[in-house]
């Protein structure tokens, strides 16, 4: 099972109004439910993300739910989604794994999302860009400041 929009705001948030994580979220994780952020127009809340991360309930999959109404914010693209998780304190290696290897495993395609010899060649070369960046969530009432952004793609010839 996959719970997409696992950091969604109210109503139907995985936390109570008090900020406490609902017990069924822990039970779902223990049962093996995959947590996927699916960040789109209304499905990602920093308050919820902080609570879930604080309880050790990091997303297994970082995906975007980008469409016509959120391509100009708040989701923008997958690199911004990844950068938001970095700014929330998720370790870089886990952010990368959640955006590459774990989605491939989730759809039973282990030949994707890996740099293994003989694997399908599908790679993007990125660099962290240091600085101060402001990120917004679907609620847009509390911007998040981050010190780095993994949103610079290295074009051919720059490496």
N, C-alpha and C. Protein backbone atom coordinates (compact mmCIF):
# COMPACT_ATOMS: atom_id res chain seq x y z
N UNK A 1 0.83 -1.19 0.00
CA UNK A 1 0.00 0.00 0.00
C UNK A 1 0.87 1.25 0.00
N UNK A 2 0.39 2.30 -0.64
CA UNK A 2 1.09 3.58 -0.70
C UNK A 2 0.15 4.67 -0.20
N UNK A 3 0.63 5.47 0.73
CA UNK A 3 -0.11 6.64 1.20
C UNK A 3 0.51 7.86 0.53
N UNK A 4 -0.13 8.32 -0.54
CA UNK A 4 0.34 9.53 -1.22
C UNK A 4 -0.28 10.74 -0.52
N UNK A 5 0.42 11.87 -0.59
CA UNK A 5 0.03 13.09 0.13
C UNK A 5 0.14 12.86 1.64
N UNK A 6 1.22 12.20 2.06
CA UNK A 6 1.38 11.83 3.47
C UNK A 6 1.64 13.03 4.37
N UNK A 7 1.96 14.20 3.81
CA UNK A 7 2.18 15.41 4.62
C UNK A 7 1.10 16.46 4.32
N UNK A 8 -0.08 16.00 4.00
CA UNK A 8 -1.17 16.91 3.62
C UNK A 8 -1.67 17.70 4.82
N UNK A 9 -2.19 18.90 4.58
CA UNK A 9 -2.75 19.71 5.67
C UNK A 9 -4.16 19.22 6.04
N UNK A 10 -4.77 19.91 6.99
CA UNK A 10 -6.14 19.60 7.40
C UNK A 10 -7.09 19.96 6.27
N UNK A 11 -8.21 19.30 6.09
CA UNK A 11 -8.64 18.14 6.86
C UNK A 11 -7.92 16.88 6.39
N UNK A 12 -8.07 15.82 7.09
CA UNK A 12 -7.45 14.53 6.76
C UNK A 12 -5.95 14.52 6.89
N UNK A 13 -5.40 15.39 7.72
CA UNK A 13 -3.96 15.40 7.97
C UNK A 13 -3.57 14.19 8.83
N UNK A 14 -2.32 13.76 8.73
CA UNK A 14 -1.87 12.64 9.57
C UNK A 14 -1.52 13.06 11.00
N UNK A 15 -1.82 14.31 11.34
CA UNK A 15 -1.59 14.79 12.71
C UNK A 15 -2.90 15.35 13.26
N UNK A 16 -2.97 15.41 14.59
CA UNK A 16 -4.11 16.05 15.25
C UNK A 16 -3.89 17.56 15.26
N UNK A 17 -4.93 18.31 15.59
CA UNK A 17 -4.82 19.77 15.70
C UNK A 17 -3.76 20.17 16.73
N UNK A 18 -3.50 19.32 17.71
CA UNK A 18 -2.48 19.58 18.73
C UNK A 18 -1.07 19.47 18.17
N UNK A 19 -0.93 18.89 16.98
CA UNK A 19 0.38 18.68 16.38
C UNK A 19 0.91 17.28 16.58
N UNK A 20 0.24 16.48 17.40
CA UNK A 20 0.66 15.10 17.63
C UNK A 20 0.32 14.24 16.42
N UNK A 21 1.23 13.33 16.10
CA UNK A 21 1.01 12.43 14.97
C UNK A 21 -0.05 11.39 15.36
N UNK A 22 -0.95 11.12 14.44
CA UNK A 22 -2.00 10.13 14.68
C UNK A 22 -1.35 8.74 14.85
N UNK A 23 -1.79 7.97 15.82
CA UNK A 23 -1.20 6.64 16.06
C UNK A 23 -1.28 5.72 14.85
N UNK A 24 -2.30 5.89 14.02
CA UNK A 24 -2.42 5.02 12.85
C UNK A 24 -1.31 5.24 11.83
N UNK A 25 -0.62 6.38 11.90
CA UNK A 25 0.52 6.61 11.01
C UNK A 25 1.67 5.67 11.38
N UNK A 26 1.94 5.54 12.66
CA UNK A 26 2.99 4.61 13.12
C UNK A 26 2.59 3.17 12.77
N UNK A 27 1.33 2.83 12.98
CA UNK A 27 0.86 1.48 12.65
C UNK A 27 0.99 1.21 11.14
N UNK A 28 0.68 2.22 10.34
CA UNK A 28 0.81 2.07 8.89
C UNK A 28 2.27 1.81 8.51
N UNK A 29 3.18 2.57 9.09
CA UNK A 29 4.61 2.38 8.79
C UNK A 29 5.04 0.97 9.19
N UNK A 30 4.63 0.53 10.37
CA UNK A 30 4.99 -0.81 10.85
C UNK A 30 4.42 -1.90 9.94
N UNK A 31 3.29 -1.63 9.33
CA UNK A 31 2.66 -2.57 8.39
C UNK A 31 3.33 -2.56 7.02
N UNK A 32 4.22 -1.60 6.80
CA UNK A 32 4.92 -1.53 5.52
C UNK A 32 4.31 -0.58 4.51
N UNK A 33 3.37 0.26 4.93
CA UNK A 33 2.79 1.24 4.02
C UNK A 33 3.88 2.22 3.59
N UNK A 34 3.98 2.48 2.30
CA UNK A 34 4.95 3.42 1.73
C UNK A 34 4.38 4.83 1.87
N UNK A 35 5.17 5.75 2.43
CA UNK A 35 4.76 7.15 2.56
C UNK A 35 5.36 7.95 1.41
N UNK A 36 4.50 8.62 0.65
CA UNK A 36 4.90 9.39 -0.53
C UNK A 36 4.35 10.81 -0.39
N UNK A 37 5.21 11.82 -0.58
CA UNK A 37 4.72 13.19 -0.36
C UNK A 37 3.77 13.66 -1.47
N UNK A 38 3.98 13.29 -2.72
CA UNK A 38 3.08 13.70 -3.79
C UNK A 38 2.74 15.18 -3.74
N UNK A 39 3.76 16.03 -3.65
CA UNK A 39 3.55 17.47 -3.46
C UNK A 39 2.94 18.11 -4.71
N UNK A 40 1.76 18.66 -4.52
CA UNK A 40 1.08 19.37 -5.60
C UNK A 40 0.55 20.70 -5.08
N UNK A 41 -0.65 21.03 -5.45
CA UNK A 41 -1.25 22.32 -5.10
C UNK A 41 -1.65 22.40 -3.63
N UNK A 42 -2.21 21.33 -3.08
CA UNK A 42 -2.74 21.42 -1.72
C UNK A 42 -2.33 20.28 -0.81
N UNK A 43 -1.23 19.63 -1.10
CA UNK A 43 -0.95 18.37 -0.41
C UNK A 43 0.34 18.33 0.40
N UNK A 44 0.90 19.48 0.75
CA UNK A 44 2.15 19.47 1.51
C UNK A 44 2.14 20.64 2.49
N UNK A 45 2.28 20.32 3.78
CA UNK A 45 2.21 21.31 4.85
C UNK A 45 3.46 21.16 5.71
N UNK A 46 4.21 22.25 5.89
CA UNK A 46 5.44 22.20 6.68
C UNK A 46 5.19 21.75 8.12
N UNK A 47 4.09 22.22 8.72
CA UNK A 47 3.78 21.83 10.10
C UNK A 47 3.60 20.31 10.20
N UNK A 48 2.88 19.74 9.26
CA UNK A 48 2.67 18.30 9.23
C UNK A 48 3.99 17.58 8.97
N UNK A 49 4.76 18.08 8.02
CA UNK A 49 6.05 17.46 7.70
C UNK A 49 6.97 17.46 8.92
N UNK A 50 7.04 18.58 9.62
CA UNK A 50 7.89 18.64 10.83
C UNK A 50 7.45 17.62 11.87
N UNK A 51 6.16 17.52 12.09
CA UNK A 51 5.64 16.56 13.08
C UNK A 51 5.97 15.13 12.68
N UNK A 52 5.73 14.80 11.43
CA UNK A 52 6.00 13.44 10.95
C UNK A 52 7.50 13.13 11.00
N UNK A 53 8.32 14.06 10.53
CA UNK A 53 9.77 13.84 10.57
C UNK A 53 10.26 13.73 12.01
N UNK A 54 9.69 14.54 12.90
CA UNK A 54 10.06 14.50 14.31
C UNK A 54 9.76 13.17 14.97
N UNK A 55 8.80 12.44 14.43
CA UNK A 55 8.44 11.12 14.94
C UNK A 55 9.16 10.00 14.18
N UNK A 56 10.11 10.39 13.32
CA UNK A 56 10.84 9.38 12.55
C UNK A 56 10.05 8.83 11.38
N UNK A 57 9.03 9.54 10.95
CA UNK A 57 8.18 9.08 9.85
C UNK A 57 8.50 9.87 8.58
N UNK A 58 9.73 9.73 8.13
CA UNK A 58 10.16 10.40 6.89
C UNK A 58 9.47 9.74 5.70
N UNK A 59 9.31 10.49 4.62
CA UNK A 59 8.71 9.88 3.44
C UNK A 59 9.64 8.83 2.84
N UNK A 60 9.05 7.75 2.36
CA UNK A 60 9.82 6.75 1.63
C UNK A 60 10.07 7.24 0.22
N UNK A 61 9.10 7.98 -0.32
CA UNK A 61 9.16 8.46 -1.70
C UNK A 61 8.91 9.96 -1.71
N UNK A 62 9.79 10.67 -2.41
CA UNK A 62 9.58 12.10 -2.68
C UNK A 62 9.15 12.20 -4.13
N UNK A 63 7.91 12.61 -4.33
CA UNK A 63 7.40 12.77 -5.69
C UNK A 63 6.69 14.11 -5.77
N UNK A 64 6.48 14.55 -6.99
CA UNK A 64 5.71 15.77 -7.19
C UNK A 64 4.39 15.39 -7.82
N UNK A 65 3.41 16.18 -7.57
CA UNK A 65 2.10 16.04 -8.20
C UNK A 65 1.89 17.33 -8.99
N UNK A 66 2.90 17.67 -9.78
CA UNK A 66 2.90 18.94 -10.50
C UNK A 66 1.90 18.88 -11.66
N UNK A 67 1.10 19.90 -11.75
CA UNK A 67 0.12 20.03 -12.82
C UNK A 67 -0.05 21.52 -13.12
N UNK A 68 -0.93 21.83 -14.00
CA UNK A 68 -1.13 23.20 -14.47
C UNK A 68 -1.26 24.22 -13.34
N UNK A 69 -1.94 23.85 -12.26
CA UNK A 69 -2.22 24.82 -11.20
C UNK A 69 -1.13 24.94 -10.14
N UNK A 70 -0.07 24.13 -10.21
CA UNK A 70 0.99 24.26 -9.19
C UNK A 70 2.39 24.32 -9.78
N UNK A 71 2.50 24.36 -11.10
CA UNK A 71 3.81 24.45 -11.72
C UNK A 71 4.48 25.79 -11.40
N UNK A 72 3.68 26.80 -11.08
CA UNK A 72 4.21 28.10 -10.67
C UNK A 72 4.15 28.27 -9.16
N UNK A 73 4.02 27.18 -8.44
CA UNK A 73 4.01 27.17 -6.98
C UNK A 73 2.71 26.61 -6.45
N UNK A 74 2.76 25.97 -5.34
CA UNK A 74 3.89 25.84 -4.43
C UNK A 74 4.84 24.68 -4.73
N UNK A 75 4.44 23.73 -5.60
CA UNK A 75 5.31 22.56 -5.83
C UNK A 75 6.47 22.88 -6.78
N UNK A 76 6.21 23.58 -7.85
CA UNK A 76 7.17 23.94 -8.90
C UNK A 76 7.67 22.71 -9.65
N UNK A 77 8.56 21.92 -9.05
CA UNK A 77 9.12 20.74 -9.72
C UNK A 77 9.71 19.81 -8.67
N UNK A 78 10.21 18.67 -9.11
CA UNK A 78 10.72 17.66 -8.18
C UNK A 78 11.95 18.17 -7.42
N UNK A 79 12.79 18.98 -8.04
CA UNK A 79 13.98 19.48 -7.35
C UNK A 79 13.62 20.42 -6.21
N UNK A 80 12.58 21.22 -6.39
CA UNK A 80 12.12 22.08 -5.29
C UNK A 80 11.53 21.21 -4.18
N UNK A 81 10.78 20.18 -4.55
CA UNK A 81 10.24 19.26 -3.54
C UNK A 81 11.37 18.64 -2.73
N UNK A 82 12.42 18.20 -3.40
CA UNK A 82 13.58 17.62 -2.71
C UNK A 82 14.24 18.66 -1.81
N UNK A 83 14.37 19.88 -2.30
CA UNK A 83 15.00 20.95 -1.53
C UNK A 83 14.23 21.26 -0.26
N UNK A 84 12.90 21.18 -0.32
CA UNK A 84 12.09 21.42 0.87
C UNK A 84 12.39 20.39 1.95
N UNK A 85 12.55 19.13 1.55
CA UNK A 85 12.86 18.09 2.53
C UNK A 85 14.26 18.29 3.11
N UNK A 86 15.19 18.74 2.28
CA UNK A 86 16.53 19.10 2.80
C UNK A 86 16.41 20.20 3.83
N UNK A 87 15.65 21.23 3.52
CA UNK A 87 15.49 22.37 4.43
C UNK A 87 14.80 21.95 5.73
N UNK A 88 13.99 20.91 5.67
CA UNK A 88 13.31 20.40 6.87
C UNK A 88 14.21 19.47 7.69
N UNK A 89 15.42 19.23 7.18
CA UNK A 89 16.38 18.44 7.96
C UNK A 89 16.57 17.00 7.53
N UNK A 90 15.92 16.59 6.47
CA UNK A 90 16.12 15.22 5.98
C UNK A 90 17.52 15.14 5.38
N UNK A 91 18.31 14.12 5.73
CA UNK A 91 19.68 14.02 5.20
C UNK A 91 19.70 13.89 3.67
N UNK A 92 20.71 14.50 3.07
CA UNK A 92 20.83 14.51 1.61
C UNK A 92 20.74 13.11 1.01
N UNK A 93 21.46 12.16 1.58
CA UNK A 93 21.45 10.80 1.02
C UNK A 93 20.05 10.21 1.05
N UNK A 94 19.27 10.52 2.09
CA UNK A 94 17.90 10.01 2.17
C UNK A 94 16.98 10.73 1.18
N UNK A 95 17.20 12.01 0.98
CA UNK A 95 16.42 12.76 -0.01
C UNK A 95 16.67 12.17 -1.40
N UNK A 96 17.92 11.95 -1.73
CA UNK A 96 18.25 11.38 -3.05
C UNK A 96 17.66 9.99 -3.21
N UNK A 97 17.80 9.17 -2.20
CA UNK A 97 17.26 7.81 -2.25
C UNK A 97 15.73 7.84 -2.41
N UNK A 98 15.07 8.75 -1.70
CA UNK A 98 13.60 8.83 -1.75
C UNK A 98 13.09 9.34 -3.10
N UNK A 99 13.95 10.00 -3.86
CA UNK A 99 13.54 10.52 -5.17
C UNK A 99 14.01 9.63 -6.32
N UNK A 100 14.78 8.61 -6.02
CA UNK A 100 15.34 7.77 -7.10
C UNK A 100 15.12 6.28 -6.84
N UNK A 101 15.90 5.74 -5.93
CA UNK A 101 15.90 4.30 -5.67
C UNK A 101 14.56 3.79 -5.12
N UNK A 102 14.03 4.47 -4.13
CA UNK A 102 12.80 3.98 -3.49
C UNK A 102 11.58 4.00 -4.42
N UNK A 103 11.40 5.05 -5.24
CA UNK A 103 10.28 4.97 -6.18
C UNK A 103 10.42 3.79 -7.13
N UNK A 104 11.64 3.52 -7.59
CA UNK A 104 11.86 2.38 -8.49
C UNK A 104 11.53 1.07 -7.79
N UNK A 105 11.96 0.93 -6.54
CA UNK A 105 11.64 -0.28 -5.78
C UNK A 105 10.13 -0.40 -5.56
N UNK A 106 9.48 0.73 -5.32
CA UNK A 106 8.05 0.74 -5.03
C UNK A 106 7.23 0.22 -6.21
N UNK A 107 7.68 0.51 -7.41
CA UNK A 107 6.95 0.03 -8.60
C UNK A 107 7.58 -1.24 -9.16
N UNK A 108 8.42 -1.90 -8.34
CA UNK A 108 9.06 -3.17 -8.72
C UNK A 108 9.88 -3.04 -10.00
N UNK A 109 10.66 -1.95 -10.08
CA UNK A 109 11.56 -1.72 -11.21
C UNK A 109 12.97 -1.47 -10.68
N UNK A 110 13.62 -2.49 -10.09
CA UNK A 110 14.93 -2.30 -9.48
C UNK A 110 16.03 -1.89 -10.46
N UNK A 111 15.79 -2.06 -11.75
CA UNK A 111 16.78 -1.65 -12.75
C UNK A 111 16.79 -0.13 -12.94
N UNK A 112 15.80 0.56 -12.37
CA UNK A 112 15.74 2.02 -12.41
C UNK A 112 16.22 2.58 -11.07
N UNK A 113 16.59 3.84 -11.05
CA UNK A 113 16.94 4.49 -9.79
C UNK A 113 18.25 4.02 -9.20
N UNK A 114 19.14 3.51 -10.03
CA UNK A 114 20.42 3.00 -9.56
C UNK A 114 21.51 3.35 -10.56
N UNK A 115 22.72 3.41 -10.07
CA UNK A 115 23.88 3.63 -10.95
C UNK A 115 24.67 2.34 -11.12
N UNK A 116 24.05 1.21 -10.90
CA UNK A 116 24.72 -0.09 -10.98
C UNK A 116 25.15 -0.39 -12.42
N UNK A 117 26.24 -1.12 -12.54
CA UNK A 117 26.72 -1.56 -13.85
C UNK A 117 25.63 -2.40 -14.50
N UNK A 118 25.33 -2.09 -15.75
CA UNK A 118 24.31 -2.81 -16.49
C UNK A 118 22.91 -2.26 -16.34
N UNK A 119 22.74 -1.30 -15.44
CA UNK A 119 21.41 -0.71 -15.24
C UNK A 119 21.07 0.24 -16.38
N UNK A 120 19.81 0.53 -16.51
CA UNK A 120 19.35 1.49 -17.52
C UNK A 120 19.95 2.85 -17.21
N UNK A 121 20.52 3.50 -18.23
CA UNK A 121 21.16 4.81 -18.04
C UNK A 121 20.14 5.93 -17.96
N UNK A 122 19.87 6.37 -16.77
CA UNK A 122 18.90 7.45 -16.54
C UNK A 122 19.41 8.25 -15.36
N UNK A 123 20.14 9.33 -15.64
CA UNK A 123 20.80 10.05 -14.55
C UNK A 123 20.73 11.55 -14.78
N UNK A 124 20.64 12.27 -13.70
CA UNK A 124 20.75 13.73 -13.73
C UNK A 124 21.89 14.09 -12.78
N UNK A 125 22.75 14.97 -13.20
CA UNK A 125 23.86 15.42 -12.36
C UNK A 125 23.44 16.76 -11.76
N UNK A 126 23.43 16.82 -10.44
CA UNK A 126 22.97 18.00 -9.72
C UNK A 126 24.06 18.51 -8.80
N UNK A 127 23.92 19.73 -8.38
CA UNK A 127 24.81 20.27 -7.35
C UNK A 127 23.97 21.05 -6.35
N UNK A 128 24.42 21.03 -5.10
CA UNK A 128 23.77 21.85 -4.09
C UNK A 128 24.19 23.29 -4.28
N UNK A 129 23.26 24.16 -4.20
CA UNK A 129 23.57 25.58 -4.32
C UNK A 129 23.40 26.20 -2.94
N UNK A 130 24.49 26.67 -2.33
CA UNK A 130 24.38 27.29 -1.00
C UNK A 130 23.75 28.67 -1.11
N UNK A 131 23.16 29.11 -0.03
CA UNK A 131 22.52 30.42 0.01
C UNK A 131 21.31 30.36 0.92
N UNK A 132 20.52 31.41 0.93
CA UNK A 132 19.28 31.45 1.72
C UNK A 132 18.12 31.40 0.73
N UNK A 133 17.26 30.42 0.91
CA UNK A 133 16.14 30.23 0.00
C UNK A 133 14.85 30.18 0.79
N UNK A 134 13.80 30.69 0.22
CA UNK A 134 12.49 30.67 0.86
C UNK A 134 11.62 29.67 0.10
N UNK A 135 11.04 28.75 0.85
CA UNK A 135 10.15 27.74 0.28
C UNK A 135 8.75 27.95 0.86
N UNK A 136 7.74 27.63 0.08
CA UNK A 136 6.36 27.73 0.56
C UNK A 136 5.69 26.35 0.45
N UNK A 137 4.73 26.13 1.34
CA UNK A 137 3.96 24.90 1.29
C UNK A 137 2.58 25.18 0.70
N UNK A 138 1.71 24.21 0.77
CA UNK A 138 0.36 24.39 0.21
C UNK A 138 -0.48 25.36 1.02
N UNK A 139 -0.17 25.48 2.32
CA UNK A 139 -0.92 26.38 3.19
C UNK A 139 -0.44 27.81 3.00
N UNK A 140 0.84 27.98 2.74
CA UNK A 140 1.48 29.26 2.43
C UNK A 140 1.39 30.31 3.53
N UNK A 141 1.24 29.87 4.78
CA UNK A 141 1.18 30.88 5.84
C UNK A 141 2.50 31.01 6.59
N UNK A 142 3.37 30.03 6.51
CA UNK A 142 4.66 30.07 7.18
C UNK A 142 5.75 29.64 6.20
N UNK A 143 6.42 30.57 5.54
CA UNK A 143 7.48 30.17 4.64
C UNK A 143 8.61 29.48 5.40
N UNK A 144 9.32 28.62 4.71
CA UNK A 144 10.45 27.89 5.27
C UNK A 144 11.72 28.43 4.65
N UNK A 145 12.70 28.76 5.50
CA UNK A 145 13.99 29.21 5.00
C UNK A 145 14.95 28.05 5.00
N UNK A 146 15.72 27.91 3.93
CA UNK A 146 16.71 26.85 3.82
C UNK A 146 18.06 27.41 3.44
N UNK A 147 19.12 26.69 3.82
CA UNK A 147 20.49 27.12 3.54
C UNK A 147 21.04 26.57 2.24
N UNK A 148 20.35 25.64 1.65
CA UNK A 148 20.84 25.08 0.39
C UNK A 148 19.65 24.66 -0.45
N UNK A 149 19.93 24.50 -1.71
CA UNK A 149 18.88 24.11 -2.63
C UNK A 149 19.49 23.18 -3.64
N UNK A 150 18.93 22.01 -3.79
CA UNK A 150 19.45 21.04 -4.75
C UNK A 150 18.80 21.19 -6.09
N UNK A 151 18.74 22.40 -6.59
CA UNK A 151 17.97 22.64 -7.80
C UNK A 151 18.80 23.10 -8.98
N UNK A 152 20.09 22.93 -8.89
CA UNK A 152 20.92 23.29 -10.04
C UNK A 152 21.28 22.04 -10.81
N UNK A 153 20.80 21.96 -12.04
CA UNK A 153 21.19 20.86 -12.91
C UNK A 153 22.49 21.26 -13.58
N UNK A 154 23.41 20.33 -13.69
CA UNK A 154 24.67 20.61 -14.37
C UNK A 154 24.49 20.18 -15.82
N UNK A 155 24.61 21.14 -16.72
CA UNK A 155 24.46 20.84 -18.13
C UNK A 155 25.74 20.25 -18.70
N UNK A 156 25.60 19.59 -19.83
CA UNK A 156 26.73 18.98 -20.51
C UNK A 156 27.84 20.01 -20.70
N UNK A 157 29.04 19.66 -20.36
CA UNK A 157 30.17 20.57 -20.52
C UNK A 157 30.49 21.36 -19.27
N UNK A 158 29.61 21.38 -18.27
CA UNK A 158 29.86 22.12 -17.03
C UNK A 158 30.55 21.27 -15.98
N UNK A 159 30.44 19.98 -16.09
CA UNK A 159 30.93 19.07 -15.04
C UNK A 159 32.44 19.09 -14.93
